[in-house]
Amino acid sequence: MDILNETAEKPKDDADVRVGRRVRALRLERNLSLAELAAKAGVSIGALSQIERGLSSLRVKVIWPLAAALDIEPSALIADGNDAVNDLYCVRADSRRRIPVKSEGIAKALLSPPAATLTGMLVTVEAGGGTVEAYAHPGHEFGFVLSGEVELVVDSTTYGLKTGDSFAFKSTLLHAFRNPGAERCQILWVNTTKPSEVRDGA
C-alpha cells in the first residue's frame, strides 16, 4: 500500500505523538517488530513507522486492523488523556470500566489499562452475594481481600477468607465465591486472561 493512502501526513503534533508512543509501546510489549505488526495489520512498514514517530495521523481504515493486530479495542489507540479509556499505563479512579457479570450482588471494575498483560480488577461482593455456579477459564489468578470476608471454593475445597488474606490458583480449576458476612466485601483480583474471559460465570 502507498503510505499516502494509509495515513494523513501532517506536521507533528501532541495528539499524534501520544498515539504513536502508544502504538510503539503496545508493539514492544507484544514482542513484535515493525515488519511483523505491519504485516498483521495490512499496512506498510513505512506507514507504521510514520505513525509511531507521530509524523502521521491514523485514518479510520487503519485504526481497526491495527487494533485487531494488537488485540485491543480501537478506542484504546486514540483515547486522549481525558478519555474514559485513560492512557496507556494508568487508570484513574473515576475512569474504571465495568466488567459485566451474571450473578447478583457482584460488581467488577477493571483496574488495568489497555496495554496491560495482566487483568487487574476490584471485585465487590455484597452481603449474601456470590457466583451463580462454579466456572473455569484459561490462566492463573491472585486475590487479596481488602475488606469484609469471602468464601472461596476452588476444586471443591472451601476456604474462608477475611480482610488481609490472599489466594492464588490456576483458573482452569472450577472456582466460585460468595460473601457469607453481613458487610460488603472488596477484593483486589488479578487474572492472566483478558477482561472478556473473566466475567463471572463465563
C-alpha atoms as a PDB file:
ATOM      1  CA  MET A   1       0.000   0.000   0.000  1.00  0.00           C
ATOM      2  CA  ASP A   2       1.046   3.583  -0.580  1.00  0.00           C
ATOM      3  CA  ILE A   3       1.705   5.409   2.678  1.00  0.00           C
ATOM      4  CA  LEU A   4      -0.364   8.347   1.437  1.00  0.00           C
ATOM      5  CA  ASN A   5      -3.377   6.074   1.214  1.00  0.00           C
ATOM      6  CA  GLU A   6      -2.930   4.784   4.764  1.00  0.00           C
ATOM      7  CA  THR A   7      -2.166   7.905   6.772  1.00  0.00           C
ATOM      8  CA  ALA A   8      -2.749  11.616   6.542  1.00  0.00           C
ATOM      9  CA  GLU A   9       0.703  13.226   6.617  1.00  0.00           C
ATOM     10  CA  LYS A  10       0.841  16.425   8.618  1.00  0.00           C
ATOM     11  CA  PRO A  11       3.222  18.339  10.907  1.00  0.00           C
ATOM     12  CA  LYS A  12       3.906  16.506  14.159  1.00  0.00           C
ATOM     13  CA  ASP A  13       1.501  17.466  16.969  1.00  0.00           C
ATOM     14  CA  ASP A  14       0.992  16.297  20.557  1.00  0.00           C
ATOM     15  CA  ALA A  15      -2.008  14.087  19.772  1.00  0.00           C
ATOM     16  CA  ASP A  16      -0.159  12.208  17.023  1.00  0.00           C
ATOM     17  CA  VAL A  17       2.902  11.820  19.251  1.00  0.00           C
ATOM     18  CA  ARG A  18       0.802  10.320  22.061  1.00  0.00           C
ATOM     19  CA  VAL A  19      -0.859   7.884  19.673  1.00  0.00           C
ATOM     20  CA  GLY A  20       2.485   6.946  18.151  1.00  0.00           C
ATOM     21  CA  ARG A  21       4.042   6.256  21.541  1.00  0.00           C
ATOM     22  CA  ARG A  22       1.021   4.164  22.478  1.00  0.00           C
ATOM     23  CA  VAL A  23       1.279   2.072  19.312  1.00  0.00           C
ATOM     24  CA  ARG A  24       5.017   1.560  19.780  1.00  0.00           C
ATOM     25  CA  ALA A  25       4.656   0.585  23.453  1.00  0.00           C
ATOM     26  CA  LEU A  26       1.914  -1.906  22.614  1.00  0.00           C
ATOM     27  CA  ARG A  27       4.005  -3.371  19.804  1.00  0.00           C
ATOM     28  CA  LEU A  28       7.060  -3.786  22.021  1.00  0.00           C
ATOM     29  CA  GLU A  29       5.048  -5.335  24.836  1.00  0.00           C
ATOM     30  CA  ARG A  30       3.910  -7.972  22.363  1.00  0.00           C
ATOM     31  CA  ASN A  31       7.473  -8.543  21.153  1.00  0.00           C
ATOM     32  CA  LEU A  32       6.562  -7.601  17.589  1.00  0.00           C
ATOM     33  CA  SER A  33       8.909  -5.972  15.106  1.00  0.00           C
ATOM     34  CA  LEU A  34       7.732  -3.137  12.863  1.00  0.00           C
ATOM     35  CA  ALA A  35       7.585  -5.589   9.966  1.00  0.00           C
ATOM     36  CA  GLU A  36       5.575  -8.166  11.927  1.00  0.00           C
ATOM     37  CA  LEU A  37       2.957  -5.690  13.147  1.00  0.00           C
ATOM     38  CA  ALA A  38       2.727  -4.047   9.724  1.00  0.00           C
ATOM     39  CA  ALA A  39       2.098  -7.441   8.134  1.00  0.00           C
ATOM     40  CA  LYS A  40      -0.560  -8.376  10.699  1.00  0.00           C
ATOM     41  CA  ALA A  41      -2.344  -5.033  10.254  1.00  0.00           C
ATOM     42  CA  GLY A  42      -2.001  -4.992   6.463  1.00  0.00           C
ATOM     43  CA  VAL A  43      -0.136  -1.677   6.294  1.00  0.00           C
ATOM     44  CA  SER A  44       3.320  -0.805   5.016  1.00  0.00           C
ATOM     45  CA  ILE A  45       6.332  -0.662   7.319  1.00  0.00           C
ATOM     46  CA  GLY A  46       6.862   2.943   6.293  1.00  0.00           C
ATOM     47  CA  ALA A  47       3.318   3.923   7.257  1.00  0.00           C
ATOM     48  CA  LEU A  48       3.603   2.225  10.629  1.00  0.00           C
ATOM     49  CA  SER A  49       6.957   3.885  11.287  1.00  0.00           C
ATOM     50  CA  GLN A  50       5.467   7.305  10.485  1.00  0.00           C
ATOM     51  CA  ILE A  51       2.580   6.627  12.884  1.00  0.00           C
ATOM     52  CA  GLU A  52       4.880   5.538  15.712  1.00  0.00           C
ATOM     53  CA  ARG A  53       7.033   8.655  15.276  1.00  0.00           C
ATOM     54  CA  GLY A  54       3.994  10.917  15.386  1.00  0.00           C
ATOM     55  CA  LEU A  55       4.534  12.099  11.809  1.00  0.00           C
ATOM     56  CA  SER A  56       1.192  10.790  10.527  1.00  0.00           C
ATOM     57  CA  SER A  57      -2.330  10.588  11.889  1.00  0.00           C
ATOM     58  CA  LEU A  58      -4.294   7.362  11.953  1.00  0.00           C
ATOM     59  CA  ARG A  59      -7.024   7.093   9.332  1.00  0.00           C
ATOM     60  CA  VAL A  60     -10.209   5.259  10.288  1.00  0.00           C
ATOM     61  CA  LYS A  61      -9.478   2.357   7.945  1.00  0.00           C
ATOM     62  CA  VAL A  62      -6.075   1.853   9.640  1.00  0.00           C
ATOM     63  CA  ILE A  63      -7.295   2.056  13.254  1.00  0.00           C
ATOM     64  CA  TRP A  64      -9.417  -1.101  13.110  1.00  0.00           C
ATOM     65  CA  PRO A  65      -6.889  -3.518  11.567  1.00  0.00           C
ATOM     66  CA  LEU A  66      -4.093  -2.090  13.719  1.00  0.00           C
ATOM     67  CA  ALA A  67      -6.149  -2.522  16.894  1.00  0.00           C
ATOM     68  CA  ALA A  68      -7.042  -6.063  15.849  1.00  0.00           C
ATOM     69  CA  ALA A  69      -3.379  -6.854  15.231  1.00  0.00           C
ATOM     70  CA  LEU A  70      -2.544  -5.571  18.725  1.00  0.00           C
ATOM     71  CA  ASP A  71      -5.547  -7.365  20.247  1.00  0.00           C
ATOM     72  CA  ILE A  72      -7.066  -4.255  21.827  1.00  0.00           C
ATOM     73  CA  GLU A  73     -10.172  -2.113  21.382  1.00  0.00           C
ATOM     74  CA  PRO A  74      -9.791   0.596  18.694  1.00  0.00           C
ATOM     75  CA  SER A  75     -10.659   3.288  21.252  1.00  0.00           C
ATOM     76  CA  ALA A  76      -7.546   2.346  23.241  1.00  0.00           C
ATOM     77  CA  LEU A  77      -5.373   3.607  20.390  1.00  0.00           C
ATOM     78  CA  ILE A  78      -6.834   7.058  20.030  1.00  0.00           C
ATOM     79  CA  ALA A  79      -8.049   7.934  23.542  1.00  0.00           C
ATOM     80  CA  ASP A  80      -6.591  11.158  24.884  1.00  0.00           C
ATOM     81  CA  GLY A  81      -5.584  11.732  28.486  1.00  0.00           C
ATOM     82  CA  ASN A  82      -9.085  12.831  29.492  1.00  0.00           C
ATOM     83  CA  ASP A  83     -10.901   9.927  27.848  1.00  0.00           C
ATOM     84  CA  ALA A  84     -12.636   7.280  29.958  1.00  0.00           C
ATOM     85  CA  VAL A  85     -10.280   4.692  28.462  1.00  0.00           C
ATOM     86  CA  ASN A  86      -7.438   6.707  30.040  1.00  0.00           C
ATOM     87  CA  ASP A  87      -3.821   6.466  28.954  1.00  0.00           C
ATOM     88  CA  LEU A  88      -1.554   3.533  28.215  1.00  0.00           C
ATOM     89  CA  TYR A  89      -0.173   2.737  31.660  1.00  0.00           C
ATOM     90  CA  CYS A  90      -2.635   4.245  34.155  1.00  0.00           C
ATOM     91  CA  VAL A  91      -6.325   4.040  35.045  1.00  0.00           C
ATOM     92  CA  ARG A  92      -7.756   6.918  37.068  1.00  0.00           C
ATOM     93  CA  ALA A  93     -10.116   6.138  39.942  1.00  0.00           C
ATOM     94  CA  ASP A  94     -13.025   7.875  38.206  1.00  0.00           C
ATOM     95  CA  SER A  95     -12.429   6.155  34.837  1.00  0.00           C
ATOM     96  CA  ARG A  96     -12.703   2.470  35.696  1.00  0.00           C
ATOM     97  CA  ARG A  97     -14.593   0.331  33.187  1.00  0.00           C
ATOM     98  CA  ARG A  98     -17.173  -2.126  34.487  1.00  0.00           C
ATOM     99  CA  ILE A  99     -16.942  -5.803  33.517  1.00  0.00           C
ATOM    100  CA  PRO A 100     -20.387  -7.415  33.010  1.00  0.00           C
ATOM    101  CA  VAL A 101     -21.228 -10.289  35.366  1.00  0.00           C
ATOM    102  CA  LYS A 102     -24.116 -12.755  35.508  1.00  0.00           C
ATOM    103  CA  SER A 103     -24.527 -13.068  39.268  1.00  0.00           C
ATOM    104  CA  GLU A 104     -26.474 -10.786  41.594  1.00  0.00           C
ATOM    105  CA  GLY A 105     -24.542  -8.861  44.212  1.00  0.00           C
ATOM    106  CA  ILE A 106     -21.210  -8.871  42.373  1.00  0.00           C
ATOM    107  CA  ALA A 107     -19.534  -5.943  40.609  1.00  0.00           C
ATOM    108  CA  LYS A 108     -16.179  -5.971  38.797  1.00  0.00           C
ATOM    109  CA  ALA A 109     -14.269  -2.808  37.881  1.00  0.00           C
ATOM    110  CA  LEU A 110     -11.267  -3.027  35.555  1.00  0.00           C
ATOM    111  CA  LEU A 111      -8.120  -1.609  37.175  1.00  0.00           C
ATOM    112  CA  SER A 112      -5.620  -2.452  34.431  1.00  0.00           C
ATOM    113  CA  PRO A 113      -5.025  -0.189  31.392  1.00  0.00           C
ATOM    114  CA  PRO A 114      -5.409  -1.302  27.754  1.00  0.00           C
ATOM    115  CA  ALA A 115      -1.759  -2.296  27.319  1.00  0.00           C
ATOM    116  CA  ALA A 116      -1.561  -4.484  30.424  1.00  0.00           C
ATOM    117  CA  THR A 117      -0.740  -8.167  30.113  1.00  0.00           C
ATOM    118  CA  LEU A 118      -2.460  -8.854  33.445  1.00  0.00           C
ATOM    119  CA  THR A 119      -6.103  -8.085  34.181  1.00  0.00           C
ATOM    120  CA  GLY A 120      -6.478  -6.277  37.490  1.00  0.00           C
ATOM    121  CA  MET A 121      -9.967  -5.933  38.958  1.00  0.00           C
ATOM    122  CA  LEU A 122     -11.677  -4.510  42.009  1.00  0.00           C
ATOM    123  CA  VAL A 123     -14.308  -7.133  42.822  1.00  0.00           C
ATOM    124  CA  THR A 124     -17.128  -6.040  45.120  1.00  0.00           C
ATOM    125  CA  VAL A 125     -19.386  -8.692  46.639  1.00  0.00           C
ATOM    126  CA  GLU A 126     -22.444  -7.508  48.547  1.00  0.00           C
ATOM    127  CA  ALA A 127     -23.576  -9.352  51.682  1.00  0.00           C
ATOM    128  CA  GLY A 128     -25.137 -12.631  50.574  1.00  0.00           C
ATOM    129  CA  GLY A 129     -23.938 -12.167  47.003  1.00  0.00           C
ATOM    130  CA  GLY A 130     -21.964 -14.728  45.064  1.00  0.00           C
ATOM    131  CA  THR A 131     -21.420 -16.584  41.813  1.00  0.00           C
ATOM    132  CA  VAL A 132     -24.329 -18.453  40.259  1.00  0.00           C
ATOM    133  CA  GLU A 133     -22.175 -21.539  39.753  1.00  0.00           C
ATOM    134  CA  ALA A 134     -18.563 -22.666  39.684  1.00  0.00           C
ATOM    135  CA  TYR A 135     -16.705 -21.796  36.484  1.00  0.00           C
ATOM    136  CA  ALA A 136     -13.233 -22.129  34.924  1.00  0.00           C
ATOM    137  CA  HIS A 137     -11.214 -20.498  32.149  1.00  0.00           C
ATOM    138  CA  PRO A 138      -7.586 -20.352  30.949  1.00  0.00           C
ATOM    139  CA  GLY A 139      -4.889 -18.668  33.017  1.00  0.00           C
ATOM    140  CA  HIS A 140      -3.927 -18.042  36.626  1.00  0.00           C
ATOM    141  CA  GLU A 141      -5.288 -15.685  39.273  1.00  0.00           C
ATOM    142  CA  PHE A 142      -4.353 -13.978  42.509  1.00  0.00           C
ATOM    143  CA  GLY A 143      -6.501 -12.135  45.016  1.00  0.00           C
ATOM    144  CA  PHE A 144      -6.165 -10.025  48.161  1.00  0.00           C
ATOM    145  CA  VAL A 145      -9.154  -9.376  50.426  1.00  0.00           C
ATOM    146  CA  LEU A 146      -9.263  -5.622  51.020  1.00  0.00           C
ATOM    147  CA  SER A 147     -12.285  -5.646  53.309  1.00  0.00           C
ATOM    148  CA  GLY A 148     -15.029  -7.959  54.571  1.00  0.00           C
ATOM    149  CA  GLU A 149     -14.967 -11.710  54.134  1.00  0.00           C
ATOM    150  CA  VAL A 150     -15.380 -14.144  51.277  1.00  0.00           C
ATOM    151  CA  GLU A 151     -15.938 -17.859  50.974  1.00  0.00           C
ATOM    152  CA  LEU A 152     -13.820 -19.142  48.106  1.00  0.00           C
ATOM    153  CA  VAL A 153     -14.320 -22.591  46.602  1.00  0.00           C
ATOM    154  CA  VAL A 154     -11.503 -23.966  44.430  1.00  0.00           C
ATOM    155  CA  ASP A 155     -11.611 -27.506  43.060  1.00  0.00           C
ATOM    156  CA  SER A 156     -14.372 -28.473  45.558  1.00  0.00           C
ATOM    157  CA  THR A 157     -12.407 -27.174  48.582  1.00  0.00           C
ATOM    158  CA  THR A 158     -13.855 -24.258  50.551  1.00  0.00           C
ATOM    159  CA  TYR A 159     -11.678 -21.512  52.040  1.00  0.00           C
ATOM    160  CA  GLY A 160     -12.933 -18.853  54.438  1.00  0.00           C
ATOM    161  CA  LEU A 161     -11.009 -15.621  53.867  1.00  0.00           C
ATOM    162  CA  LYS A 162     -11.103 -12.325  55.762  1.00  0.00           C
ATOM    163  CA  THR A 163      -9.532  -8.879  55.439  1.00  0.00           C
ATOM    164  CA  GLY A 164      -5.808  -9.226  54.748  1.00  0.00           C
ATOM    165  CA  ASP A 165      -5.983 -12.795  53.471  1.00  0.00           C
ATOM    166  CA  SER A 166      -4.884 -13.647  49.940  1.00  0.00           C
ATOM    167  CA  PHE A 167      -5.100 -16.513  47.462  1.00  0.00           C
ATOM    168  CA  ALA A 168      -3.767 -17.812  44.147  1.00  0.00           C
ATOM    169  CA  PHE A 169      -4.750 -20.729  41.907  1.00  0.00           C
ATOM    170  CA  LYS A 170      -4.957 -21.978  38.332  1.00  0.00           C
ATOM    171  CA  SER A 171      -8.033 -20.579  36.603  1.00  0.00           C
ATOM    172  CA  THR A 172      -8.618 -23.944  34.908  1.00  0.00           C
ATOM    173  CA  LEU A 173      -9.801 -25.297  38.272  1.00  0.00           C
ATOM    174  CA  LEU A 174     -13.521 -24.899  38.899  1.00  0.00           C
ATOM    175  CA  HIS A 175     -13.975 -21.995  41.287  1.00  0.00           C
ATOM    176  CA  ALA A 176     -16.735 -19.956  42.882  1.00  0.00           C
ATOM    177  CA  PHE A 177     -17.075 -17.390  45.656  1.00  0.00           C
ATOM    178  CA  ARG A 178     -19.668 -15.748  47.870  1.00  0.00           C
ATOM    179  CA  ASN A 179     -19.926 -13.275  50.721  1.00  0.00           C
ATOM    180  CA  PRO A 180     -21.256 -15.040  53.833  1.00  0.00           C
ATOM    181  CA  GLY A 181     -20.928 -11.937  56.003  1.00  0.00           C
ATOM    182  CA  ALA A 182     -23.216  -9.028  56.800  1.00  0.00           C
ATOM    183  CA  GLU A 183     -20.980  -6.391  55.202  1.00  0.00           C
ATOM    184  CA  ARG A 184     -19.755  -5.694  51.679  1.00  0.00           C
ATOM    185  CA  CYS A 185     -16.546  -7.446  50.658  1.00  0.00           C
ATOM    186  CA  GLN A 186     -13.944  -5.994  48.314  1.00  0.00           C
ATOM    187  CA  ILE A 187     -11.156  -7.976  46.681  1.00  0.00           C
ATOM    188  CA  LEU A 188      -8.171  -6.894  44.609  1.00  0.00           C
ATOM    189  CA  TRP A 189      -8.234  -9.625  41.944  1.00  0.00           C
ATOM    190  CA  VAL A 190      -5.542 -10.177  39.298  1.00  0.00           C
ATOM    191  CA  ASN A 191      -6.002 -12.506  36.341  1.00  0.00           C
ATOM    192  CA  THR A 192      -3.770 -13.501  33.432  1.00  0.00           C
ATOM    193  CA  THR A 193      -6.690 -13.674  30.995  1.00  0.00           C
ATOM    194  CA  LYS A 194      -8.415 -10.895  29.108  1.00  0.00           C
ATOM    195  CA  PRO A 195     -11.302  -8.948  30.690  1.00  0.00           C
ATOM    196  CA  SER A 196     -13.791 -10.630  28.313  1.00  0.00           C
ATOM    197  CA  GLU A 197     -12.758 -14.059  29.633  1.00  0.00           C
ATOM    198  CA  VAL A 198     -13.028 -13.347  33.366  1.00  0.00           C
ATOM    199  CA  ARG A 199     -16.704 -12.478  33.538  1.00  0.00           C
ATOM    200  CA  ASP A 200     -18.416 -14.154  36.449  1.00  0.00           C
ATOM    201  CA  GLY A 201     -19.833 -17.475  35.374  1.00  0.00           C
ATOM    202  CA  ALA A 202     -18.385 -17.188  31.862  1.00  0.00           C
END
